[in-house]
Amino acid sequence: MFSPTSCLQPLTTVATTLLTTLIALGSIVPPSQALLADLPIAQETVLPETAEQRQLMEGFAQLEAGAPNQAIAIFSQVISKNSHSADAYNLRGVAYMVLEQYPKALADLTQAIRLNPNDPAIYFNRANVYGVLENFEAAAADCSAAILLDPNDADLFVCRGEAQLAIENPQAALPDFNQALKLNPRSEEALYFRGVAYAMLDNYAQALADFNRLLKLNPQSADALVLRAGIKAEQGDQTGSMEDMINAINLLERQGETQKAAEIRGLLGY
């Protein structure tokens, strides 16, 4: 079965260790890192009606423009005037996340939740931080709290499922990925990680079906190709496995991921 602790073997047994390899290459990551690129940030859009809201919008614009330090300065000004602004703490926490200053992000997001315990996006943001800090139980708990507030957000179920995978509990992760796909049948993340969960449970037929479905949605997913190669190898399809690996390497090189492609080449001796 897929094991997060074993070492890489030849292609014939690559399915037993591929999850670890991709983690090492930065392809499969904790829930926080997997979702950092698309944080919800806040449940509702802040409208520029008051001076504080205008400042928050200015800080948010700086954050979107790739200037997190400037954003932090603006959010700090808001907090100095209004220490009860959950939006300011939440947004500053997100800015600290961008800067990878996770303890500060955690402190701000925790304060934002104290001030506004009814915004699921803040719990989701904090779950991201807990994931980076490898506190996956806390990440799952925050996702659960967010789901109670918004049970129709597929990303929350994906996040909680990823946290379960990180603590090697794929059986508990499956219902979350199933629910995510009910809410969003085209969720590539849900398909990807459900395929990983099935592989960890030695259910290679279902894993292969998920990776096939994902690659129909997104033929440019090199990571899905690599994992599908592992599944095919486990099923004895060495020709198909090698074909997927070579296609993944070529795709990674075209996408500029030359280091990852080179590392996979080295692992295969190709």
C-alpha atoms as a PDB file:
ATOM      1  CA  MET A   1       0.000   0.000   0.000  1.00  0.00           C
ATOM      2  CA  PHE A   2       1.022   3.636  -0.272  1.00  0.00           C
ATOM      3  CA  SER A   3       3.125   4.531   2.750  1.00  0.00           C
ATOM      4  CA  PRO A   4       4.261   8.006   3.801  1.00  0.00           C
ATOM      5  CA  THR A   5       7.375   6.597   5.480  1.00  0.00           C
ATOM      6  CA  SER A   6       8.913   4.137   3.007  1.00  0.00           C
ATOM      7  CA  CYS A   7      11.778   4.785   0.605  1.00  0.00           C
ATOM      8  CA  LEU A   8      11.614   4.953  -3.167  1.00  0.00           C
ATOM      9  CA  GLN A   9      11.796   1.613  -4.989  1.00  0.00           C
ATOM     10  CA  PRO A  10      12.135   0.744  -8.698  1.00  0.00           C
ATOM     11  CA  LEU A  11       9.218   1.464 -11.021  1.00  0.00           C
ATOM     12  CA  THR A  12       7.690  -1.959 -10.434  1.00  0.00           C
ATOM     13  CA  THR A  13       6.919  -0.995  -6.839  1.00  0.00           C
ATOM     14  CA  VAL A  14       6.754   2.774  -7.208  1.00  0.00           C
ATOM     15  CA  ALA A  15       3.117   2.837  -6.042  1.00  0.00           C
ATOM     16  CA  THR A  16       4.211   1.794  -2.568  1.00  0.00           C
ATOM     17  CA  THR A  17       6.311   4.910  -2.104  1.00  0.00           C
ATOM     18  CA  LEU A  18       5.188   7.548  -4.601  1.00  0.00           C
ATOM     19  CA  LEU A  19       3.313   9.602  -2.033  1.00  0.00           C
ATOM     20  CA  THR A  20       6.516  10.144  -0.025  1.00  0.00           C
ATOM     21  CA  THR A  21       8.463  11.013  -3.149  1.00  0.00           C
ATOM     22  CA  LEU A  22       5.973  13.660  -4.222  1.00  0.00           C
ATOM     23  CA  ILE A  23       5.951  15.168  -0.738  1.00  0.00           C
ATOM     24  CA  ALA A  24       9.738  15.435  -0.963  1.00  0.00           C
ATOM     25  CA  LEU A  25       9.445  17.065  -4.382  1.00  0.00           C
ATOM     26  CA  GLY A  26       6.844  19.537  -3.160  1.00  0.00           C
ATOM     27  CA  SER A  27       3.956  18.057  -5.145  1.00  0.00           C
ATOM     28  CA  ILE A  28       1.795  16.772  -2.304  1.00  0.00           C
ATOM     29  CA  VAL A  29       1.762  19.191   0.570  1.00  0.00           C
ATOM     30  CA  PRO A  30      -0.096  19.747   3.830  1.00  0.00           C
ATOM     31  CA  PRO A  31      -3.588  21.229   3.536  1.00  0.00           C
ATOM     32  CA  SER A  32      -2.352  24.685   4.304  1.00  0.00           C
ATOM     33  CA  GLN A  33       0.201  24.817   1.535  1.00  0.00           C
ATOM     34  CA  ALA A  34      -2.096  23.150  -0.928  1.00  0.00           C
ATOM     35  CA  LEU A  35      -4.693  25.860  -0.437  1.00  0.00           C
ATOM     36  CA  LEU A  36      -2.565  28.910   0.294  1.00  0.00           C
ATOM     37  CA  ALA A  37      -2.823  30.141  -3.274  1.00  0.00           C
ATOM     38  CA  ASP A  38      -6.598  30.508  -3.042  1.00  0.00           C
ATOM     39  CA  LEU A  39      -7.457  31.698   0.450  1.00  0.00           C
ATOM     40  CA  PRO A  40     -10.990  32.991   0.928  1.00  0.00           C
ATOM     41  CA  ILE A  41      -9.608  35.674   3.297  1.00  0.00           C
ATOM     42  CA  ALA A  42     -13.029  36.900   4.443  1.00  0.00           C
ATOM     43  CA  GLN A  43     -16.583  35.718   4.138  1.00  0.00           C
ATOM     44  CA  GLU A  44     -17.923  38.950   2.704  1.00  0.00           C
ATOM     45  CA  THR A  45     -16.435  41.669   0.536  1.00  0.00           C
ATOM     46  CA  VAL A  46     -15.597  44.783   2.543  1.00  0.00           C
ATOM     47  CA  LEU A  47     -17.317  47.773   0.995  1.00  0.00           C
ATOM     48  CA  PRO A  48     -15.521  51.155   1.087  1.00  0.00           C
ATOM     49  CA  GLU A  49     -18.145  53.000   3.141  1.00  0.00           C
ATOM     50  CA  THR A  50     -16.200  54.119   6.228  1.00  0.00           C
ATOM     51  CA  ALA A  51     -12.668  55.342   6.769  1.00  0.00           C
ATOM     52  CA  GLU A  52     -11.771  51.986   8.347  1.00  0.00           C
ATOM     53  CA  GLN A  53     -13.227  50.046   5.460  1.00  0.00           C
ATOM     54  CA  ARG A  54     -11.362  52.203   2.985  1.00  0.00           C
ATOM     55  CA  GLN A  55      -8.139  51.434   4.828  1.00  0.00           C
ATOM     56  CA  LEU A  56      -8.922  47.720   4.791  1.00  0.00           C
ATOM     57  CA  MET A  57      -9.539  47.885   1.054  1.00  0.00           C
ATOM     58  CA  GLU A  58      -6.256  49.756   0.580  1.00  0.00           C
ATOM     59  CA  GLY A  59      -4.406  47.092   2.561  1.00  0.00           C
ATOM     60  CA  PHE A  60      -6.127  44.337   0.635  1.00  0.00           C
ATOM     61  CA  ALA A  61      -5.079  45.980  -2.634  1.00  0.00           C
ATOM     62  CA  GLN A  62      -1.474  45.999  -1.417  1.00  0.00           C
ATOM     63  CA  LEU A  63      -1.796  42.333  -0.520  1.00  0.00           C
ATOM     64  CA  GLU A  64      -3.136  41.477  -3.962  1.00  0.00           C
ATOM     65  CA  ALA A  65      -0.361  43.538  -5.549  1.00  0.00           C
ATOM     66  CA  GLY A  66       2.270  41.394  -3.826  1.00  0.00           C
ATOM     67  CA  ALA A  67       3.227  43.911  -1.158  1.00  0.00           C
ATOM     68  CA  PRO A  68       2.420  42.117   2.137  1.00  0.00           C
ATOM     69  CA  ASN A  69       4.675  44.334   4.266  1.00  0.00           C
ATOM     70  CA  GLN A  70       2.844  47.461   3.136  1.00  0.00           C
ATOM     71  CA  ALA A  71      -0.456  45.662   3.739  1.00  0.00           C
ATOM     72  CA  ILE A  72       0.613  44.757   7.282  1.00  0.00           C
ATOM     73  CA  ALA A  73       1.453  48.383   8.013  1.00  0.00           C
ATOM     74  CA  ILE A  74      -2.015  49.461   6.921  1.00  0.00           C
ATOM     75  CA  PHE A  75      -3.825  46.715   8.849  1.00  0.00           C
ATOM     76  CA  SER A  76      -1.762  47.564  11.926  1.00  0.00           C
ATOM     77  CA  GLN A  77      -2.915  51.170  11.666  1.00  0.00           C
ATOM     78  CA  VAL A  78      -6.525  49.969  11.621  1.00  0.00           C
ATOM     79  CA  ILE A  79      -5.921  47.776  14.678  1.00  0.00           C
ATOM     80  CA  SER A  80      -4.272  50.642  16.553  1.00  0.00           C
ATOM     81  CA  LYS A  81      -7.469  52.648  16.099  1.00  0.00           C
ATOM     82  CA  ASN A  82      -9.917  49.745  16.539  1.00  0.00           C
ATOM     83  CA  SER A  83      -8.641  46.730  18.449  1.00  0.00           C
ATOM     84  CA  HIS A  84     -11.974  44.967  17.811  1.00  0.00           C
ATOM     85  CA  SER A  85     -11.641  44.824  14.013  1.00  0.00           C
ATOM     86  CA  ALA A  86     -11.804  41.117  13.173  1.00  0.00           C
ATOM     87  CA  ASP A  87     -11.323  41.943   9.476  1.00  0.00           C
ATOM     88  CA  ALA A  88      -8.049  43.736  10.173  1.00  0.00           C
ATOM     89  CA  TYR A  89      -6.674  40.859  12.247  1.00  0.00           C
ATOM     90  CA  ASN A  90      -7.797  38.338   9.634  1.00  0.00           C
ATOM     91  CA  LEU A  91      -6.258  40.237   6.742  1.00  0.00           C
ATOM     92  CA  ARG A  92      -3.041  40.913   8.632  1.00  0.00           C
ATOM     93  CA  GLY A  93      -2.893  37.218   9.474  1.00  0.00           C
ATOM     94  CA  VAL A  94      -3.156  36.393   5.773  1.00  0.00           C
ATOM     95  CA  ALA A  95      -0.363  38.874   5.015  1.00  0.00           C
ATOM     96  CA  TYR A  96       1.836  37.184   7.604  1.00  0.00           C
ATOM     97  CA  MET A  97       1.031  33.858   5.942  1.00  0.00           C
ATOM     98  CA  VAL A  98       2.265  35.220   2.626  1.00  0.00           C
ATOM     99  CA  LEU A  99       5.498  36.210   4.369  1.00  0.00           C
ATOM    100  CA  GLU A 100       5.671  32.740   5.965  1.00  0.00           C
ATOM    101  CA  GLN A 101       5.634  34.298   9.436  1.00  0.00           C
ATOM    102  CA  TYR A 102       3.298  31.628  10.695  1.00  0.00           C
ATOM    103  CA  PRO A 103       3.367  32.234  14.483  1.00  0.00           C
ATOM    104  CA  LYS A 104       2.306  35.835  13.889  1.00  0.00           C
ATOM    105  CA  ALA A 105      -0.336  34.675  11.416  1.00  0.00           C
ATOM    106  CA  LEU A 106      -1.654  32.186  13.946  1.00  0.00           C
ATOM    107  CA  ALA A 107      -1.884  34.837  16.668  1.00  0.00           C
ATOM    108  CA  ASP A 108      -3.772  37.257  14.417  1.00  0.00           C
ATOM    109  CA  LEU A 109      -6.196  34.672  13.079  1.00  0.00           C
ATOM    110  CA  THR A 110      -6.896  33.382  16.580  1.00  0.00           C
ATOM    111  CA  GLN A 111      -7.717  36.922  17.668  1.00  0.00           C
ATOM    112  CA  ALA A 112      -9.930  37.383  14.597  1.00  0.00           C
ATOM    113  CA  ILE A 113     -11.885  34.262  15.562  1.00  0.00           C
ATOM    114  CA  ARG A 114     -12.284  35.550  19.114  1.00  0.00           C
ATOM    115  CA  LEU A 115     -13.742  38.760  17.731  1.00  0.00           C
ATOM    116  CA  ASN A 116     -15.865  37.079  15.040  1.00  0.00           C
ATOM    117  CA  PRO A 117     -16.465  33.361  15.631  1.00  0.00           C
ATOM    118  CA  ASN A 118     -19.057  33.174  12.849  1.00  0.00           C
ATOM    119  CA  ASP A 119     -16.892  33.659   9.747  1.00  0.00           C
ATOM    120  CA  PRO A 120     -15.947  30.269   8.241  1.00  0.00           C
ATOM    121  CA  ALA A 121     -13.206  31.829   6.119  1.00  0.00           C
ATOM    122  CA  ILE A 122     -11.181  32.804   9.176  1.00  0.00           C
ATOM    123  CA  TYR A 123     -11.254  29.218  10.460  1.00  0.00           C
ATOM    124  CA  PHE A 124     -10.166  28.065   7.006  1.00  0.00           C
ATOM    125  CA  ASN A 125      -7.289  30.543   6.987  1.00  0.00           C
ATOM    126  CA  ARG A 126      -6.157  29.358  10.427  1.00  0.00           C
ATOM    127  CA  ALA A 127      -6.446  25.737   9.292  1.00  0.00           C
ATOM    128  CA  ASN A 128      -3.930  26.640   6.586  1.00  0.00           C
ATOM    129  CA  VAL A 129      -1.502  27.909   9.221  1.00  0.00           C
ATOM    130  CA  TYR A 130      -1.967  24.846  11.407  1.00  0.00           C
ATOM    131  CA  GLY A 131      -1.249  22.701   8.351  1.00  0.00           C
ATOM    132  CA  VAL A 132       2.049  24.456   7.680  1.00  0.00           C
ATOM    133  CA  LEU A 133       2.950  24.005  11.341  1.00  0.00           C
ATOM    134  CA  GLU A 134       2.051  20.302  10.970  1.00  0.00           C
ATOM    135  CA  ASN A 135      -0.673  20.476  13.611  1.00  0.00           C
ATOM    136  CA  PHE A 136      -3.066  18.544  11.412  1.00  0.00           C
ATOM    137  CA  GLU A 137      -5.511  17.692  14.183  1.00  0.00           C
ATOM    138  CA  ALA A 138      -6.018  21.413  14.829  1.00  0.00           C
ATOM    139  CA  ALA A 139      -6.316  22.031  11.082  1.00  0.00           C
ATOM    140  CA  ALA A 140      -9.060  19.397  10.840  1.00  0.00           C
ATOM    141  CA  ALA A 141     -10.840  20.896  13.858  1.00  0.00           C
ATOM    142  CA  ASP A 142     -10.854  24.355  12.282  1.00  0.00           C
ATOM    143  CA  CYS A 143     -12.193  22.923   9.030  1.00  0.00           C
ATOM    144  CA  SER A 144     -14.944  21.192  11.021  1.00  0.00           C
ATOM    145  CA  ALA A 145     -15.863  24.488  12.693  1.00  0.00           C
ATOM    146  CA  ALA A 146     -15.990  26.192   9.288  1.00  0.00           C
ATOM    147  CA  ILE A 147     -18.136  23.403   7.829  1.00  0.00           C
ATOM    148  CA  LEU A 148     -20.697  23.875  10.591  1.00  0.00           C
ATOM    149  CA  LEU A 149     -20.954  27.514   9.509  1.00  0.00           C
ATOM    150  CA  ASP A 150     -20.880  26.828   5.763  1.00  0.00           C
ATOM    151  CA  PRO A 151     -21.665  23.203   4.825  1.00  0.00           C
ATOM    152  CA  ASN A 152     -21.837  24.055   1.111  1.00  0.00           C
ATOM    153  CA  ASP A 153     -18.186  24.990   0.586  1.00  0.00           C
ATOM    154  CA  ALA A 154     -16.386  22.126  -1.146  1.00  0.00           C
ATOM    155  CA  ASP A 155     -12.949  23.544  -0.305  1.00  0.00           C
ATOM    156  CA  LEU A 156     -13.589  23.098   3.411  1.00  0.00           C
ATOM    157  CA  PHE A 157     -14.215  19.383   2.949  1.00  0.00           C
ATOM    158  CA  VAL A 158     -11.112  19.047   0.783  1.00  0.00           C
ATOM    159  CA  CYS A 159      -9.050  20.819   3.448  1.00  0.00           C
ATOM    160  CA  ARG A 160     -10.309  18.533   6.229  1.00  0.00           C
ATOM    161  CA  GLY A 161      -9.737  15.471   4.068  1.00  0.00           C
ATOM    162  CA  GLU A 162      -6.156  16.525   3.380  1.00  0.00           C
ATOM    163  CA  ALA A 163      -5.574  16.948   7.109  1.00  0.00           C
ATOM    164  CA  GLN A 164      -6.804  13.384   7.630  1.00  0.00           C
ATOM    165  CA  LEU A 165      -4.421  12.142   4.943  1.00  0.00           C
ATOM    166  CA  ALA A 166      -1.562  13.956   6.643  1.00  0.00           C
ATOM    167  CA  ILE A 167      -2.168  11.958   9.837  1.00  0.00           C
ATOM    168  CA  GLU A 168      -2.419   8.766   7.729  1.00  0.00           C
ATOM    169  CA  ASN A 169      -6.157   8.298   8.166  1.00  0.00           C
ATOM    170  CA  PRO A 170      -7.353   7.844   4.581  1.00  0.00           C
ATOM    171  CA  GLN A 171     -10.526   6.038   5.619  1.00  0.00           C
ATOM    172  CA  ALA A 172     -11.692   9.145   7.505  1.00  0.00           C
ATOM    173  CA  ALA A 173     -10.668  11.363   4.576  1.00  0.00           C
ATOM    174  CA  LEU A 174     -12.821   9.606   1.959  1.00  0.00           C
ATOM    175  CA  PRO A 175     -16.219  10.925   3.138  1.00  0.00           C
ATOM    176  CA  ASP A 176     -14.875  14.485   2.983  1.00  0.00           C
ATOM    177  CA  PHE A 177     -13.626  14.100  -0.571  1.00  0.00           C
ATOM    178  CA  ASN A 178     -16.898  12.422  -1.560  1.00  0.00           C
ATOM    179  CA  GLN A 179     -18.864  15.343  -0.136  1.00  0.00           C
ATOM    180  CA  ALA A 180     -16.579  17.852  -1.842  1.00  0.00           C
ATOM    181  CA  LEU A 181     -17.255  16.161  -5.165  1.00  0.00           C
ATOM    182  CA  LYS A 182     -21.000  16.205  -4.533  1.00  0.00           C
ATOM    183  CA  LEU A 183     -20.747  19.946  -4.031  1.00  0.00           C
ATOM    184  CA  ASN A 184     -18.294  20.460  -6.889  1.00  0.00           C
ATOM    185  CA  PRO A 185     -17.989  17.500  -9.295  1.00  0.00           C
ATOM    186  CA  ARG A 186     -15.149  19.260 -11.112  1.00  0.00           C
ATOM    187  CA  SER A 187     -12.962  19.771  -8.037  1.00  0.00           C
ATOM    188  CA  GLU A 188      -9.514  18.707  -9.193  1.00  0.00           C
ATOM    189  CA  GLU A 189      -8.138  18.791  -5.639  1.00  0.00           C
ATOM    190  CA  ALA A 190     -10.909  16.499  -4.363  1.00  0.00           C
ATOM    191  CA  LEU A 191     -10.287  14.003  -7.171  1.00  0.00           C
ATOM    192  CA  TYR A 192      -6.533  14.150  -6.699  1.00  0.00           C
ATOM    193  CA  PHE A 193      -6.521  13.581  -2.973  1.00  0.00           C
ATOM    194  CA  ARG A 194      -9.338  11.039  -3.085  1.00  0.00           C
ATOM    195  CA  GLY A 195      -7.179   9.095  -5.519  1.00  0.00           C
ATOM    196  CA  VAL A 196      -4.323   9.306  -3.020  1.00  0.00           C
ATOM    197  CA  ALA A 197      -6.646   8.097  -0.232  1.00  0.00           C
ATOM    198  CA  TYR A 198      -7.814   5.118  -2.294  1.00  0.00           C
ATOM    199  CA  ALA A 199      -4.208   4.257  -3.137  1.00  0.00           C
ATOM    200  CA  MET A 200      -3.234   4.378   0.534  1.00  0.00           C
ATOM    201  CA  LEU A 201      -6.066   1.909   1.162  1.00  0.00           C
ATOM    202  CA  ASP A 202      -4.815  -0.374  -1.660  1.00  0.00           C
ATOM    203  CA  ASN A 203      -7.973   0.308  -3.665  1.00  0.00           C
ATOM    204  CA  TYR A 204      -6.069   0.807  -6.873  1.00  0.00           C
ATOM    205  CA  ALA A 205      -9.065   0.460  -9.199  1.00  0.00           C
ATOM    206  CA  GLN A 206     -10.819   3.420  -7.573  1.00  0.00           C
ATOM    207  CA  ALA A 207      -7.570   5.382  -7.390  1.00  0.00           C
ATOM    208  CA  LEU A 208      -6.967   4.835 -11.100  1.00  0.00           C
ATOM    209  CA  ALA A 209     -10.536   5.917 -11.884  1.00  0.00           C
ATOM    210  CA  ASP A 210     -10.032   9.182  -9.977  1.00  0.00           C
ATOM    211  CA  PHE A 211      -6.724   9.980 -11.662  1.00  0.00           C
ATOM    212  CA  ASN A 212      -8.221   9.145 -15.079  1.00  0.00           C
ATOM    213  CA  ARG A 213     -11.125  11.471 -14.360  1.00  0.00           C
ATOM    214  CA  LEU A 214      -8.798  14.212 -13.130  1.00  0.00           C
ATOM    215  CA  LEU A 215      -6.591  13.972 -16.208  1.00  0.00           C
ATOM    216  CA  LYS A 216      -9.652  14.343 -18.432  1.00  0.00           C
ATOM    217  CA  LEU A 217     -10.438  17.571 -16.594  1.00  0.00           C
ATOM    218  CA  ASN A 218      -6.826  18.732 -16.578  1.00  0.00           C
ATOM    219  CA  PRO A 219      -4.414  16.935 -18.923  1.00  0.00           C
ATOM    220  CA  GLN A 220      -1.651  19.284 -17.705  1.00  0.00           C
ATOM    221  CA  SER A 221      -1.532  17.777 -14.180  1.00  0.00           C
ATOM    222  CA  ALA A 222       1.931  16.235 -14.083  1.00  0.00           C
ATOM    223  CA  ASP A 223       1.460  15.138 -10.472  1.00  0.00           C
ATOM    224  CA  ALA A 224      -1.630  13.136 -11.408  1.00  0.00           C
ATOM    225  CA  LEU A 225       0.338  11.498 -14.218  1.00  0.00           C
ATOM    226  CA  VAL A 226       3.087  10.479 -11.807  1.00  0.00           C
ATOM    227  CA  LEU A 227       0.631   9.012  -9.330  1.00  0.00           C
ATOM    228  CA  ARG A 228      -1.262   7.222 -12.096  1.00  0.00           C
ATOM    229  CA  ALA A 229       2.044   5.758 -13.209  1.00  0.00           C
ATOM    230  CA  GLY A 230       2.489   4.355  -9.720  1.00  0.00           C
ATOM    231  CA  ILE A 231      -0.979   2.821  -9.750  1.00  0.00           C
ATOM    232  CA  LYS A 232      -0.384   1.245 -13.160  1.00  0.00           C
ATOM    233  CA  ALA A 233       2.913  -0.191 -11.957  1.00  0.00           C
ATOM    234  CA  GLU A 234       1.187  -1.730  -8.954  1.00  0.00           C
ATOM    235  CA  GLN A 235      -1.369  -3.293 -11.289  1.00  0.00           C
ATOM    236  CA  GLY A 236       1.361  -4.766 -13.471  1.00  0.00           C
ATOM    237  CA  ASP A 237       0.973  -2.348 -16.396  1.00  0.00           C
ATOM    238  CA  GLN A 238       4.656  -1.495 -16.752  1.00  0.00           C
ATOM    239  CA  THR A 239       4.298  -0.107 -20.279  1.00  0.00           C
ATOM    240  CA  GLY A 240       1.491   2.251 -19.285  1.00  0.00           C
ATOM    241  CA  SER A 241       3.346   3.234 -16.133  1.00  0.00           C
ATOM    242  CA  MET A 242       6.516   4.172 -17.983  1.00  0.00           C
ATOM    243  CA  GLU A 243       4.496   6.062 -20.595  1.00  0.00           C
ATOM    244  CA  ASP A 244       2.838   8.150 -17.872  1.00  0.00           C
ATOM    245  CA  MET A 245       6.180   8.832 -16.202  1.00  0.00           C
ATOM    246  CA  ILE A 246       7.808   9.977 -19.434  1.00  0.00           C
ATOM    247  CA  ASN A 247       4.804  12.159 -20.272  1.00  0.00           C
ATOM    248  CA  ALA A 248       4.953  13.661 -16.772  1.00  0.00           C
ATOM    249  CA  ILE A 249       8.666  14.440 -17.125  1.00  0.00           C
ATOM    250  CA  ASN A 250       8.134  16.077 -20.516  1.00  0.00           C
ATOM    251  CA  LEU A 251       5.173  18.046 -19.184  1.00  0.00           C
ATOM    252  CA  LEU A 252       7.144  19.268 -16.164  1.00  0.00           C
ATOM    253  CA  GLU A 253       9.973  20.410 -18.398  1.00  0.00           C
ATOM    254  CA  ARG A 254       7.549  22.331 -20.618  1.00  0.00           C
ATOM    255  CA  GLN A 255       6.058  23.935 -17.507  1.00  0.00           C
ATOM    256  CA  GLY A 256       9.487  25.056 -16.331  1.00  0.00           C
ATOM    257  CA  GLU A 257       9.627  22.545 -13.451  1.00  0.00           C
ATOM    258  CA  THR A 258      13.020  21.319 -14.597  1.00  0.00           C
ATOM    259  CA  GLN A 259      14.338  20.407 -11.149  1.00  0.00           C
ATOM    260  CA  LYS A 260      11.338  18.232 -10.353  1.00  0.00           C
ATOM    261  CA  ALA A 261      11.586  16.620 -13.798  1.00  0.00           C
ATOM    262  CA  ALA A 262      15.291  15.926 -13.263  1.00  0.00           C
ATOM    263  CA  GLU A 263      14.647  14.363  -9.862  1.00  0.00           C
ATOM    264  CA  ILE A 264      11.995  12.039 -11.293  1.00  0.00           C
ATOM    265  CA  ARG A 265      14.377  11.150 -14.139  1.00  0.00           C
ATOM    266  CA  GLY A 266      17.012  10.293 -11.560  1.00  0.00           C
ATOM    267  CA  LEU A 267      14.623   8.136  -9.567  1.00  0.00           C
ATOM    268  CA  LEU A 268      13.741   6.205 -12.706  1.00  0.00           C
ATOM    269  CA  GLY A 269      17.244   6.080 -14.096  1.00  0.00           C
ATOM    270  CA  TYR A 270      15.833   7.622 -17.261  1.00  0.00           C
END
